[in-house]
């Protein structure tokens, strides 16, 4: 059995916001409320993507008509998993129960000591 650090990405929908910064704040706050206090070990951060024109890294936020989709990065440690796939399924299940109706995708699974 091994220990793994699992990273997932989530697509968070935010309505009635005027700016990308407001959308980021609301998304992190709302996801934190749904994860805490039971899952306070899950780290929440804003995702990043690369601009296709200039290839610079930018925040994962898309805002149209006062509605935004915010890309969040969720990280957690999974202990005593049988494999990387098992650790990924555990993390997705645990986080998915708290964040119902939020699309989740596995980004990375790394073993640690």
PDB file of N, CA and C in Angstrom:
ATOM      1  N   UNK A   1       0.845  -1.179   0.000  1.00  0.00           N
ATOM      2  CA  UNK A   1       0.000   0.000   0.000  1.00  0.00           C
ATOM      3  C   UNK A   1       0.896   1.251   0.000  1.00  0.00           C
ATOM      4  N   UNK A   2       0.498   2.214  -0.794  1.00  0.00           N
ATOM      5  CA  UNK A   2       1.289   3.434  -0.950  1.00  0.00           C
ATOM      6  C   UNK A   2       0.438   4.664  -0.669  1.00  0.00           C
ATOM      7  N   UNK A   3       1.125   5.783  -0.521  1.00  0.00           N
ATOM      8  CA  UNK A   3       0.474   7.068  -0.288  1.00  0.00           C
ATOM      9  C   UNK A   3       0.600   7.917  -1.549  1.00  0.00           C
ATOM     10  N   UNK A   4      -0.460   8.659  -1.864  1.00  0.00           N
ATOM     11  CA  UNK A   4      -0.479   9.436  -3.100  1.00  0.00           C
ATOM     12  C   UNK A   4      -1.000  10.846  -2.852  1.00  0.00           C
ATOM     13  N   UNK A   5      -0.479  11.767  -3.634  1.00  0.00           N
ATOM     14  CA  UNK A   5      -0.962  13.148  -3.669  1.00  0.00           C
ATOM     15  C   UNK A   5      -1.773  13.265  -4.957  1.00  0.00           C
ATOM     16  N   UNK A   6      -3.087  13.504  -4.821  1.00  0.00           N
ATOM     17  CA  UNK A   6      -3.987  13.515  -5.972  1.00  0.00           C
ATOM     18  C   UNK A   6      -4.440  14.951  -6.253  1.00  0.00           C
ATOM     19  N   UNK A   7      -4.377  15.333  -7.522  1.00  0.00           N
ATOM     20  CA  UNK A   7      -4.817  16.654  -7.961  1.00  0.00           C
ATOM     21  C   UNK A   7      -5.978  16.491  -8.928  1.00  0.00           C
ATOM     22  N   UNK A   8      -7.070  17.191  -8.634  1.00  0.00           N
ATOM     23  CA  UNK A   8      -8.253  17.176  -9.496  1.00  0.00           C
ATOM     24  C   UNK A   8      -8.543  18.593  -9.944  1.00  0.00           C
ATOM     25  N   UNK A   9      -9.259  18.705 -11.060  1.00  0.00           N
ATOM     26  CA  UNK A   9      -9.751  20.012 -11.480  1.00  0.00           C
ATOM     27  C   UNK A   9     -11.265  19.971 -11.460  1.00  0.00           C
ATOM     28  N   UNK A  10     -11.844  21.122 -11.136  1.00  0.00           N
ATOM     29  CA  UNK A  10     -13.299  21.240 -11.054  1.00  0.00           C
ATOM     30  C   UNK A  10     -13.750  22.457 -11.848  1.00  0.00           C
ATOM     31  N   UNK A  11     -14.914  22.338 -12.464  1.00  0.00           N
ATOM     32  CA  UNK A  11     -15.518  23.458 -13.181  1.00  0.00           C
ATOM     33  C   UNK A  11     -16.628  24.030 -12.296  1.00  0.00           C
ATOM     34  N   UNK A  12     -16.412  25.235 -11.784  1.00  0.00           N
ATOM     35  CA  UNK A  12     -17.351  25.857 -10.841  1.00  0.00           C
ATOM     36  C   UNK A  12     -18.094  26.986 -11.538  1.00  0.00           C
ATOM     37  N   UNK A  13     -19.424  26.937 -11.521  1.00  0.00           N
ATOM     38  CA  UNK A  13     -20.259  27.946 -12.144  1.00  0.00           C
ATOM     39  C   UNK A  13     -20.638  29.013 -11.122  1.00  0.00           C
ATOM     40  N   UNK A  14     -20.432  30.281 -11.488  1.00  0.00           N
ATOM     41  CA  UNK A  14     -20.744  31.411 -10.605  1.00  0.00           C
ATOM     42  C   UNK A  14     -21.647  32.370 -11.371  1.00  0.00           C
ATOM     43  N   UNK A  15     -22.778  32.706 -10.767  1.00  0.00           N
ATOM     44  CA  UNK A  15     -23.738  33.606 -11.413  1.00  0.00           C
ATOM     45  C   UNK A  15     -23.719  34.982 -10.742  1.00  0.00           C
ATOM     46  N   UNK A  16     -24.149  35.977 -11.496  1.00  0.00           N
ATOM     47  CA  UNK A  16     -24.300  37.359 -11.007  1.00  0.00           C
ATOM     48  C   UNK A  16     -22.998  37.942 -10.484  1.00  0.00           C
ATOM     49  N   UNK A  17     -21.945  37.894 -11.277  1.00  0.00           N
ATOM     50  CA  UNK A  17     -20.669  38.523 -10.921  1.00  0.00           C
ATOM     51  C   UNK A  17     -20.301  39.525 -12.003  1.00  0.00           C
ATOM     52  N   UNK A  18     -19.573  40.543 -11.602  1.00  0.00           N
ATOM     53  CA  UNK A  18     -19.200  41.612 -12.532  1.00  0.00           C
ATOM     54  C   UNK A  18     -17.781  41.486 -13.070  1.00  0.00           C
ATOM     55  N   UNK A  19     -16.911  40.746 -12.339  1.00  0.00           N
ATOM     56  CA  UNK A  19     -15.521  40.654 -12.777  1.00  0.00           C
ATOM     57  C   UNK A  19     -14.970  39.254 -12.533  1.00  0.00           C
ATOM     58  N   UNK A  20     -13.865  38.967 -13.187  1.00  0.00           N
ATOM     59  CA  UNK A  20     -13.208  37.667 -13.022  1.00  0.00           C
ATOM     60  C   UNK A  20     -12.716  37.492 -11.589  1.00  0.00           C
ATOM     61  N   UNK A  21     -12.203  38.562 -10.987  1.00  0.00           N
ATOM     62  CA  UNK A  21     -11.720  38.479  -9.600  1.00  0.00           C
ATOM     63  C   UNK A  21     -12.858  38.143  -8.637  1.00  0.00           C
ATOM     64  N   UNK A  22     -14.028  38.750  -8.855  1.00  0.00           N
ATOM     65  CA  UNK A  22     -15.193  38.427  -8.027  1.00  0.00           C
ATOM     66  C   UNK A  22     -15.576  36.956  -8.198  1.00  0.00           C
ATOM     67  N   UNK A  23     -15.554  36.469  -9.431  1.00  0.00           N
ATOM     68  CA  UNK A  23     -15.909  35.076  -9.707  1.00  0.00           C
ATOM     69  C   UNK A  23     -14.942  34.121  -9.005  1.00  0.00           C
ATOM     70  N   UNK A  24     -13.661  34.435  -9.026  1.00  0.00           N
ATOM     71  CA  UNK A  24     -12.662  33.601  -8.354  1.00  0.00           C
ATOM     72  C   UNK A  24     -12.941  33.563  -6.856  1.00  0.00           C
ATOM     73  N   UNK A  25     -13.176  34.731  -6.269  1.00  0.00           N
ATOM     74  CA  UNK A  25     -13.450  34.795  -4.833  1.00  0.00           C
ATOM     75  C   UNK A  25     -14.682  34.007  -4.439  1.00  0.00           C
ATOM     76  N   UNK A  26     -15.741  34.132  -5.221  1.00  0.00           N
ATOM     77  CA  UNK A  26     -16.984  33.419  -4.925  1.00  0.00           C
ATOM     78  C   UNK A  26     -16.776  31.918  -5.078  1.00  0.00           C
ATOM     79  N   UNK A  27     -16.109  31.490  -6.129  1.00  0.00           N
ATOM     80  CA  UNK A  27     -15.890  30.057  -6.369  1.00  0.00           C
ATOM     81  C   UNK A  27     -15.071  29.422  -5.253  1.00  0.00           C
ATOM     82  N   UNK A  28     -14.006  30.075  -4.839  1.00  0.00           N
ATOM     83  CA  UNK A  28     -13.174  29.523  -3.764  1.00  0.00           C
ATOM     84  C   UNK A  28     -13.943  29.514  -2.451  1.00  0.00           C
ATOM     85  N   UNK A  29     -14.688  30.577  -2.184  1.00  0.00           N
ATOM     86  CA  UNK A  29     -15.469  30.652  -0.952  1.00  0.00           C
ATOM     87  C   UNK A  29     -16.565  29.583  -0.905  1.00  0.00           C
ATOM     88  N   UNK A  30     -17.329  29.458  -1.977  1.00  0.00           N
ATOM     89  CA  UNK A  30     -18.414  28.477  -2.004  1.00  0.00           C
ATOM     90  C   UNK A  30     -17.895  27.048  -1.927  1.00  0.00           C
ATOM     91  N   UNK A  31     -16.833  26.753  -2.640  1.00  0.00           N
ATOM     92  CA  UNK A  31     -16.280  25.394  -2.587  1.00  0.00           C
ATOM     93  C   UNK A  31     -15.702  25.105  -1.208  1.00  0.00           C
ATOM     94  N   UNK A  32     -15.069  26.094  -0.600  1.00  0.00           N
ATOM     95  CA  UNK A  32     -14.541  25.922   0.750  1.00  0.00           C
ATOM     96  C   UNK A  32     -15.637  25.644   1.764  1.00  0.00           C
ATOM     97  N   UNK A  33     -16.769  26.331   1.629  1.00  0.00           N
ATOM     98  CA  UNK A  33     -17.894  26.100   2.538  1.00  0.00           C
ATOM     99  C   UNK A  33     -18.427  24.682   2.403  1.00  0.00           C
ATOM    100  N   UNK A  34     -18.478  24.168   1.181  1.00  0.00           N
ATOM    101  CA  UNK A  34     -19.003  22.820   0.972  1.00  0.00           C
ATOM    102  C   UNK A  34     -18.010  21.742   1.413  1.00  0.00           C
ATOM    103  N   UNK A  35     -16.732  22.072   1.413  1.00  0.00           N
ATOM    104  CA  UNK A  35     -15.714  21.097   1.823  1.00  0.00           C
ATOM    105  C   UNK A  35     -15.457  21.110   3.331  1.00  0.00           C
ATOM    106  N   UNK A  36     -15.618  22.247   3.971  1.00  0.00           N
ATOM    107  CA  UNK A  36     -15.304  22.355   5.399  1.00  0.00           C
ATOM    108  C   UNK A  36     -16.546  22.138   6.235  1.00  0.00           C
ATOM    109  N   UNK A  37     -16.450  21.672   7.441  1.00  0.00           N
ATOM    110  CA  UNK A  37     -15.248  21.292   8.182  1.00  0.00           C
ATOM    111  C   UNK A  37     -14.815  19.843   7.956  1.00  0.00           C
ATOM    112  N   UNK A  38     -15.669  19.022   7.340  1.00  0.00           N
ATOM    113  CA  UNK A  38     -15.341  17.605   7.194  1.00  0.00           C
ATOM    114  C   UNK A  38     -14.101  17.364   6.345  1.00  0.00           C
ATOM    115  N   UNK A  39     -13.951  18.087   5.256  1.00  0.00           N
ATOM    116  CA  UNK A  39     -12.845  17.870   4.328  1.00  0.00           C
ATOM    117  C   UNK A  39     -11.876  19.043   4.322  1.00  0.00           C
ATOM    118  N   UNK A  40     -11.502  19.519   5.493  1.00  0.00           N
ATOM    119  CA  UNK A  40     -10.608  20.678   5.568  1.00  0.00           C
ATOM    120  C   UNK A  40      -9.189  20.359   5.098  1.00  0.00           C
ATOM    121  N   UNK A  41      -8.895  19.091   4.850  1.00  0.00           N
ATOM    122  CA  UNK A  41      -7.575  18.695   4.351  1.00  0.00           C
ATOM    123  C   UNK A  41      -7.478  18.818   2.827  1.00  0.00           C
ATOM    124  N   UNK A  42      -8.565  19.148   2.163  1.00  0.00           N
ATOM    125  CA  UNK A  42      -8.551  19.354   0.712  1.00  0.00           C
ATOM    126  C   UNK A  42      -8.148  20.799   0.437  1.00  0.00           C
ATOM    127  N   UNK A  43      -7.090  20.974  -0.339  1.00  0.00           N
ATOM    128  CA  UNK A  43      -6.630  22.319  -0.686  1.00  0.00           C
ATOM    129  C   UNK A  43      -7.337  22.778  -1.957  1.00  0.00           C
ATOM    130  N   UNK A  44      -7.823  24.019  -1.930  1.00  0.00           N
ATOM    131  CA  UNK A  44      -8.532  24.596  -3.067  1.00  0.00           C
ATOM    132  C   UNK A  44      -7.737  25.782  -3.582  1.00  0.00           C
ATOM    133  N   UNK A  45      -7.533  25.817  -4.901  1.00  0.00           N
ATOM    134  CA  UNK A  45      -6.814  26.929  -5.519  1.00  0.00           C
ATOM    135  C   UNK A  45      -7.416  27.188  -6.900  1.00  0.00           C
ATOM    136  N   UNK A  46      -7.098  28.321  -7.453  1.00  0.00           N
ATOM    137  CA  UNK A  46      -7.567  28.663  -8.785  1.00  0.00           C
ATOM    138  C   UNK A  46      -6.698  27.940  -9.806  1.00  0.00           C
ATOM    139  N   UNK A  47      -7.333  27.433 -10.842  1.00  0.00           N
ATOM    140  CA  UNK A  47      -6.596  26.754 -11.905  1.00  0.00           C
ATOM    141  C   UNK A  47      -5.918  27.762 -12.817  1.00  0.00           C
ATOM    142  N   UNK A  48      -5.046  27.260 -13.653  1.00  0.00           N
ATOM    143  CA  UNK A  48      -4.336  28.107 -14.606  1.00  0.00           C
ATOM    144  C   UNK A  48      -4.387  27.460 -15.980  1.00  0.00           C
ATOM    145  N   UNK A  49      -4.385  28.298 -16.981  1.00  0.00           N
ATOM    146  CA  UNK A  49      -4.354  27.837 -18.363  1.00  0.00           C
ATOM    147  C   UNK A  49      -3.426  28.758 -19.145  1.00  0.00           C
ATOM    148  N   UNK A  50      -3.107  28.380 -20.351  1.00  0.00           N
ATOM    149  CA  UNK A  50      -2.213  29.192 -21.167  1.00  0.00           C
ATOM    150  C   UNK A  50      -2.992  29.924 -22.251  1.00  0.00           C
ATOM    151  N   UNK A  51      -2.689  31.190 -22.405  1.00  0.00           N
ATOM    152  CA  UNK A  51      -3.309  32.011 -23.439  1.00  0.00           C
ATOM    153  C   UNK A  51      -2.856  31.482 -24.802  1.00  0.00           C
ATOM    154  N   UNK A  52      -3.791  31.207 -25.714  1.00  0.00           N
ATOM    155  CA  UNK A  52      -3.393  30.683 -27.017  1.00  0.00           C
ATOM    156  C   UNK A  52      -2.640  31.704 -27.877  1.00  0.00           C
ATOM    157  N   UNK A  53      -2.857  32.991 -27.630  1.00  0.00           N
ATOM    158  CA  UNK A  53      -2.204  34.024 -28.430  1.00  0.00           C
ATOM    159  C   UNK A  53      -0.790  34.339 -27.954  1.00  0.00           C
ATOM    160  N   UNK A  54      -0.644  34.555 -26.643  1.00  0.00           N
ATOM    161  CA  UNK A  54       0.653  34.984 -26.118  1.00  0.00           C
ATOM    162  C   UNK A  54       1.383  33.892 -25.338  1.00  0.00           C
ATOM    163  N   UNK A  55       0.717  32.765 -25.091  1.00  0.00           N
ATOM    164  CA  UNK A  55       1.278  31.620 -24.385  1.00  0.00           C
ATOM    165  C   UNK A  55       1.685  31.925 -22.937  1.00  0.00           C
ATOM    166  N   UNK A  56       1.105  32.985 -22.351  1.00  0.00           N
ATOM    167  CA  UNK A  56       1.344  33.282 -20.942  1.00  0.00           C
ATOM    168  C   UNK A  56       0.302  32.570 -20.097  1.00  0.00           C
ATOM    169  N   UNK A  57       0.681  32.254 -18.864  1.00  0.00           N
ATOM    170  CA  UNK A  57      -0.227  31.576 -17.958  1.00  0.00           C
ATOM    171  C   UNK A  57      -1.227  32.578 -17.380  1.00  0.00           C
ATOM    172  N   UNK A  58      -2.529  32.214 -17.439  1.00  0.00           N
ATOM    173  CA  UNK A  58      -3.581  33.088 -16.916  1.00  0.00           C
ATOM    174  C   UNK A  58      -4.517  32.264 -16.038  1.00  0.00           C
ATOM    175  N   UNK A  59      -5.303  32.944 -15.191  1.00  0.00           N
ATOM    176  CA  UNK A  59      -6.287  32.264 -14.347  1.00  0.00           C
ATOM    177  C   UNK A  59      -7.365  31.626 -15.213  1.00  0.00           C
ATOM    178  N   UNK A  60      -7.860  30.479 -14.774  1.00  0.00           N
ATOM    179  CA  UNK A  60      -8.904  29.748 -15.501  1.00  0.00           C
ATOM    180  C   UNK A  60     -10.277  30.312 -15.157  1.00  0.00           C
ATOM    181  N   UNK A  61     -10.627  31.408 -15.787  1.00  0.00           N
ATOM    182  CA  UNK A  61     -11.930  32.042 -15.576  1.00  0.00           C
ATOM    183  C   UNK A  61     -12.447  32.493 -16.930  1.00  0.00           C
ATOM    184  N   UNK A  62     -13.717  32.194 -17.192  1.00  0.00           N
ATOM    185  CA  UNK A  62     -14.360  32.656 -18.416  1.00  0.00           C
ATOM    186  C   UNK A  62     -15.663  33.326 -17.999  1.00  0.00           C
ATOM    187  N   UNK A  63     -15.792  34.613 -18.314  1.00  0.00           N
ATOM    188  CA  UNK A  63     -16.928  35.418 -17.855  1.00  0.00           C
ATOM    189  C   UNK A  63     -17.715  35.942 -19.052  1.00  0.00           C
ATOM    190  N   UNK A  64     -19.017  35.620 -19.068  1.00  0.00           N
ATOM    191  CA  UNK A  64     -19.924  36.097 -20.115  1.00  0.00           C
ATOM    192  C   UNK A  64     -21.274  36.370 -19.470  1.00  0.00           C
ATOM    193  N   UNK A  65     -21.842  37.532 -19.759  1.00  0.00           N
ATOM    194  CA  UNK A  65     -23.186  37.897 -19.303  1.00  0.00           C
ATOM    195  C   UNK A  65     -23.347  37.703 -17.791  1.00  0.00           C
ATOM    196  N   UNK A  66     -22.389  38.199 -17.035  1.00  0.00           N
ATOM    197  CA  UNK A  66     -22.396  38.134 -15.568  1.00  0.00           C
ATOM    198  C   UNK A  66     -22.427  36.714 -15.018  1.00  0.00           C
ATOM    199  N   UNK A  67     -22.019  35.743 -15.818  1.00  0.00           N
ATOM    200  CA  UNK A  67     -21.918  34.353 -15.388  1.00  0.00           C
ATOM    201  C   UNK A  67     -20.517  33.864 -15.741  1.00  0.00           C
ATOM    202  N   UNK A  68     -19.899  33.182 -14.784  1.00  0.00           N
ATOM    203  CA  UNK A  68     -18.520  32.737 -14.994  1.00  0.00           C
ATOM    204  C   UNK A  68     -18.387  31.243 -14.749  1.00  0.00           C
ATOM    205  N   UNK A  69     -17.471  30.643 -15.467  1.00  0.00           N
ATOM    206  CA  UNK A  69     -17.035  29.300 -15.148  1.00  0.00           C
ATOM    207  C   UNK A  69     -15.589  29.443 -14.683  1.00  0.00           C
ATOM    208  N   UNK A  70     -15.331  28.914 -13.500  1.00  0.00           N
ATOM    209  CA  UNK A  70     -14.019  29.057 -12.863  1.00  0.00           C
ATOM    210  C   UNK A  70     -13.402  27.675 -12.740  1.00  0.00           C
ATOM    211  N   UNK A  71     -12.185  27.543 -13.195  1.00  0.00           N
ATOM    212  CA  UNK A  71     -11.460  26.281 -13.061  1.00  0.00           C
ATOM    213  C   UNK A  71     -10.749  26.250 -11.714  1.00  0.00           C
ATOM    214  N   UNK A  72     -11.121  25.308 -10.876  1.00  0.00           N
ATOM    215  CA  UNK A  72     -10.490  25.154  -9.563  1.00  0.00           C
ATOM    216  C   UNK A  72      -9.583  23.932  -9.564  1.00  0.00           C
ATOM    217  N   UNK A  73      -8.528  24.001  -8.778  1.00  0.00           N
ATOM    218  CA  UNK A  73      -7.631  22.869  -8.568  1.00  0.00           C
ATOM    219  C   UNK A  73      -7.826  22.406  -7.129  1.00  0.00           C
ATOM    220  N   UNK A  74      -8.139  21.122  -6.967  1.00  0.00           N
ATOM    221  CA  UNK A  74      -8.366  20.527  -5.651  1.00  0.00           C
ATOM    222  C   UNK A  74      -7.291  19.474  -5.424  1.00  0.00           C
ATOM    223  N   UNK A  75      -6.621  19.558  -4.281  1.00  0.00           N
ATOM    224  CA  UNK A  75      -5.540  18.624  -3.981  1.00  0.00           C
ATOM    225  C   UNK A  75      -5.788  17.963  -2.635  1.00  0.00           C
ATOM    226  N   UNK A  76      -5.518  16.663  -2.580  1.00  0.00           N
ATOM    227  CA  UNK A  76      -5.627  15.940  -1.316  1.00  0.00           C
ATOM    228  C   UNK A  76      -4.643  14.778  -1.316  1.00  0.00           C
ATOM    229  N   UNK A  77      -4.308  14.326  -0.125  1.00  0.00           N
ATOM    230  CA  UNK A  77      -3.437  13.167   0.035  1.00  0.00           C
ATOM    231  C   UNK A  77      -4.306  11.955   0.336  1.00  0.00           C
ATOM    232  N   UNK A  78      -3.979  10.841  -0.302  1.00  0.00           N
ATOM    233  CA  UNK A  78      -4.681   9.579  -0.091  1.00  0.00           C
ATOM    234  C   UNK A  78      -3.655   8.585   0.454  1.00  0.00           C
ATOM    235  N   UNK A  79      -3.969   7.994   1.603  1.00  0.00           N
ATOM    236  CA  UNK A  79      -3.047   7.074   2.261  1.00  0.00           C
ATOM    237  C   UNK A  79      -3.490   5.625   2.059  1.00  0.00           C
ATOM    238  N   UNK A  80      -2.515   4.746   1.934  1.00  0.00           N
ATOM    239  CA  UNK A  80      -2.740   3.302   1.842  1.00  0.00           C
ATOM    240  C   UNK A  80      -3.635   2.896   0.672  1.00  0.00           C
ATOM    241  N   UNK A  81      -3.376   3.457  -0.491  1.00  0.00           N
ATOM    242  CA  UNK A  81      -4.103   3.058  -1.694  1.00  0.00           C
ATOM    243  C   UNK A  81      -3.324   1.946  -2.395  1.00  0.00           C
ATOM    244  N   UNK A  82      -4.033   1.115  -3.120  1.00  0.00           N
ATOM    245  CA  UNK A  82      -3.417  -0.017  -3.799  1.00  0.00           C
ATOM    246  C   UNK A  82      -2.632   0.393  -5.043  1.00  0.00           C
ATOM    247  N   UNK A  83      -3.068   1.459  -5.721  1.00  0.00           N
ATOM    248  CA  UNK A  83      -2.415   1.917  -6.949  1.00  0.00           C
ATOM    249  C   UNK A  83      -2.770   3.379  -7.189  1.00  0.00           C
ATOM    250  N   UNK A  84      -2.187   3.955  -8.237  1.00  0.00           N
ATOM    251  CA  UNK A  84      -2.525   5.327  -8.598  1.00  0.00           C
ATOM    252  C   UNK A  84      -3.997   5.440  -8.975  1.00  0.00           C
ATOM    253  N   UNK A  85      -4.504   4.472  -9.714  1.00  0.00           N
ATOM    254  CA  UNK A  85      -5.901   4.492 -10.120  1.00  0.00           C
ATOM    255  C   UNK A  85      -6.826   4.403  -8.904  1.00  0.00           C
ATOM    256  N   UNK A  86      -6.451   3.574  -7.941  1.00  0.00           N
ATOM    257  CA  UNK A  86      -7.251   3.435  -6.719  1.00  0.00           C
ATOM    258  C   UNK A  86      -7.262   4.749  -5.950  1.00  0.00           C
ATOM    259  N   UNK A  87      -6.106   5.398  -5.832  1.00  0.00           N
ATOM    260  CA  UNK A  87      -6.016   6.688  -5.142  1.00  0.00           C
ATOM    261  C   UNK A  87      -6.868   7.735  -5.845  1.00  0.00           C
ATOM    262  N   UNK A  88      -6.847   7.743  -7.163  1.00  0.00           N
ATOM    263  CA  UNK A  88      -7.639   8.707  -7.930  1.00  0.00           C
ATOM    264  C   UNK A  88      -9.130   8.474  -7.704  1.00  0.00           C
ATOM    265  N   UNK A  89      -9.568   7.224  -7.701  1.00  0.00           N
ATOM    266  CA  UNK A  89     -10.980   6.915  -7.461  1.00  0.00           C
ATOM    267  C   UNK A  89     -11.410   7.332  -6.056  1.00  0.00           C
ATOM    268  N   UNK A  90     -10.534   7.100  -5.068  1.00  0.00           N
ATOM    269  CA  UNK A  90     -10.842   7.498  -3.689  1.00  0.00           C
ATOM    270  C   UNK A  90     -11.016   9.011  -3.599  1.00  0.00           C
ATOM    271  N   UNK A  91     -10.054   9.758  -4.150  1.00  0.00           N
ATOM    272  CA  UNK A  91     -10.110  11.225  -4.081  1.00  0.00           C
ATOM    273  C   UNK A  91     -11.341  11.759  -4.796  1.00  0.00           C
ATOM    274  N   UNK A  92     -11.629  11.230  -5.969  1.00  0.00           N
ATOM    275  CA  UNK A  92     -12.779  11.703  -6.735  1.00  0.00           C
ATOM    276  C   UNK A  92     -14.085  11.388  -6.004  1.00  0.00           C
ATOM    277  N   UNK A  93     -14.144  10.254  -5.349  1.00  0.00           N
ATOM    278  CA  UNK A  93     -15.338   9.867  -4.598  1.00  0.00           C
ATOM    279  C   UNK A  93     -15.540  10.759  -3.375  1.00  0.00           C
ATOM    280  N   UNK A  94     -14.479  10.973  -2.609  1.00  0.00           N
ATOM    281  CA  UNK A  94     -14.561  11.781  -1.390  1.00  0.00           C
ATOM    282  C   UNK A  94     -14.940  13.221  -1.716  1.00  0.00           C
ATOM    283  N   UNK A  95     -14.238  13.808  -2.668  1.00  0.00           N
ATOM    284  CA  UNK A  95     -14.506  15.201  -3.031  1.00  0.00           C
ATOM    285  C   UNK A  95     -15.846  15.311  -3.759  1.00  0.00           C
ATOM    286  N   UNK A  96     -16.161  14.330  -4.596  1.00  0.00           N
ATOM    287  CA  UNK A  96     -17.411  14.348  -5.345  1.00  0.00           C
ATOM    288  C   UNK A  96     -18.644  14.315  -4.461  1.00  0.00           C
ATOM    289  N   UNK A  97     -18.556  13.603  -3.314  1.00  0.00           N
ATOM    290  CA  UNK A  97     -19.698  13.581  -2.391  1.00  0.00           C
ATOM    291  C   UNK A  97     -19.983  14.962  -1.813  1.00  0.00           C
ATOM    292  N   UNK A  98     -18.920  15.723  -1.540  1.00  0.00           N
ATOM    293  CA  UNK A  98     -19.095  17.063  -0.968  1.00  0.00           C
ATOM    294  C   UNK A  98     -19.495  18.082  -2.037  1.00  0.00           C
ATOM    295  N   UNK A  99     -19.000  17.903  -3.250  1.00  0.00           N
ATOM    296  CA  UNK A  99     -19.260  18.863  -4.326  1.00  0.00           C
ATOM    297  C   UNK A  99     -20.182  18.242  -5.377  1.00  0.00           C
ATOM    298  N   UNK A 100     -21.351  17.865  -4.947  1.00  0.00           N
ATOM    299  CA  UNK A 100     -22.314  17.247  -5.871  1.00  0.00           C
ATOM    300  C   UNK A 100     -22.598  18.180  -7.049  1.00  0.00           C
ATOM    301  N   UNK A 101     -22.794  17.596  -8.211  1.00  0.00           N
ATOM    302  CA  UNK A 101     -23.116  18.325  -9.441  1.00  0.00           C
ATOM    303  C   UNK A 101     -22.005  19.248  -9.920  1.00  0.00           C
ATOM    304  N   UNK A 102     -20.775  19.014  -9.465  1.00  0.00           N
ATOM    305  CA  UNK A 102     -19.628  19.774  -9.942  1.00  0.00           C
ATOM    306  C   UNK A 102     -18.752  18.807 -10.748  1.00  0.00           C
ATOM    307  N   UNK A 103     -18.508  19.107 -12.016  1.00  0.00           N
ATOM    308  CA  UNK A 103     -17.669  18.219 -12.820  1.00  0.00           C
ATOM    309  C   UNK A 103     -16.238  18.168 -12.277  1.00  0.00           C
ATOM    310  N   UNK A 104     -15.719  16.946 -12.112  1.00  0.00           N
ATOM    311  CA  UNK A 104     -14.362  16.735 -11.609  1.00  0.00           C
ATOM    312  C   UNK A 104     -13.583  15.895 -12.607  1.00  0.00           C
ATOM    313  N   UNK A 105     -12.282  16.179 -12.708  1.00  0.00           N
ATOM    314  CA  UNK A 105     -11.417  15.392 -13.570  1.00  0.00           C
ATOM    315  C   UNK A 105     -10.068  15.240 -12.882  1.00  0.00           C
ATOM    316  N   UNK A 106      -9.469  14.066 -13.018  1.00  0.00           N
ATOM    317  CA  UNK A 106      -8.153  13.808 -12.427  1.00  0.00           C
ATOM    318  C   UNK A 106      -7.088  14.499 -13.271  1.00  0.00           C
ATOM    319  N   UNK A 107      -6.214  15.273 -12.628  1.00  0.00           N
ATOM    320  CA  UNK A 107      -5.134  15.957 -13.332  1.00  0.00           C
ATOM    321  C   UNK A 107      -3.811  15.222 -13.121  1.00  0.00           C
ATOM    322  N   UNK A 108      -3.546  14.813 -11.866  1.00  0.00           N
ATOM    323  CA  UNK A 108      -2.257  14.227 -11.566  1.00  0.00           C
ATOM    324  C   UNK A 108      -2.362  13.353 -10.315  1.00  0.00           C
ATOM    325  N   UNK A 109      -1.584  12.279 -10.291  1.00  0.00           N
ATOM    326  CA  UNK A 109      -1.475  11.414  -9.110  1.00  0.00           C
ATOM    327  C   UNK A 109      -0.003  11.101  -8.939  1.00  0.00           C
ATOM    328  N   UNK A 110       0.551  11.510  -7.791  1.00  0.00           N
ATOM    329  CA  UNK A 110       1.974  11.272  -7.517  1.00  0.00           C
ATOM    330  C   UNK A 110       2.134  10.543  -6.199  1.00  0.00           C
ATOM    331  N   UNK A 111       3.015   9.564  -6.211  1.00  0.00           N
ATOM    332  CA  UNK A 111       3.294   8.808  -4.991  1.00  0.00           C
ATOM    333  C   UNK A 111       4.257   9.603  -4.117  1.00  0.00           C
ATOM    334  N   UNK A 112       4.066   9.516  -2.796  1.00  0.00           N
ATOM    335  CA  UNK A 112       4.982  10.146  -1.850  1.00  0.00           C
ATOM    336  C   UNK A 112       5.218   9.203  -0.685  1.00  0.00           C
ATOM    337  N   UNK A 113       6.280   9.474   0.053  1.00  0.00           N
ATOM    338  CA  UNK A 113       6.653   8.642   1.208  1.00  0.00           C
ATOM    339  C   UNK A 113       5.995   9.136   2.464  1.00  0.00           C
TER     340      UNK A 113
END
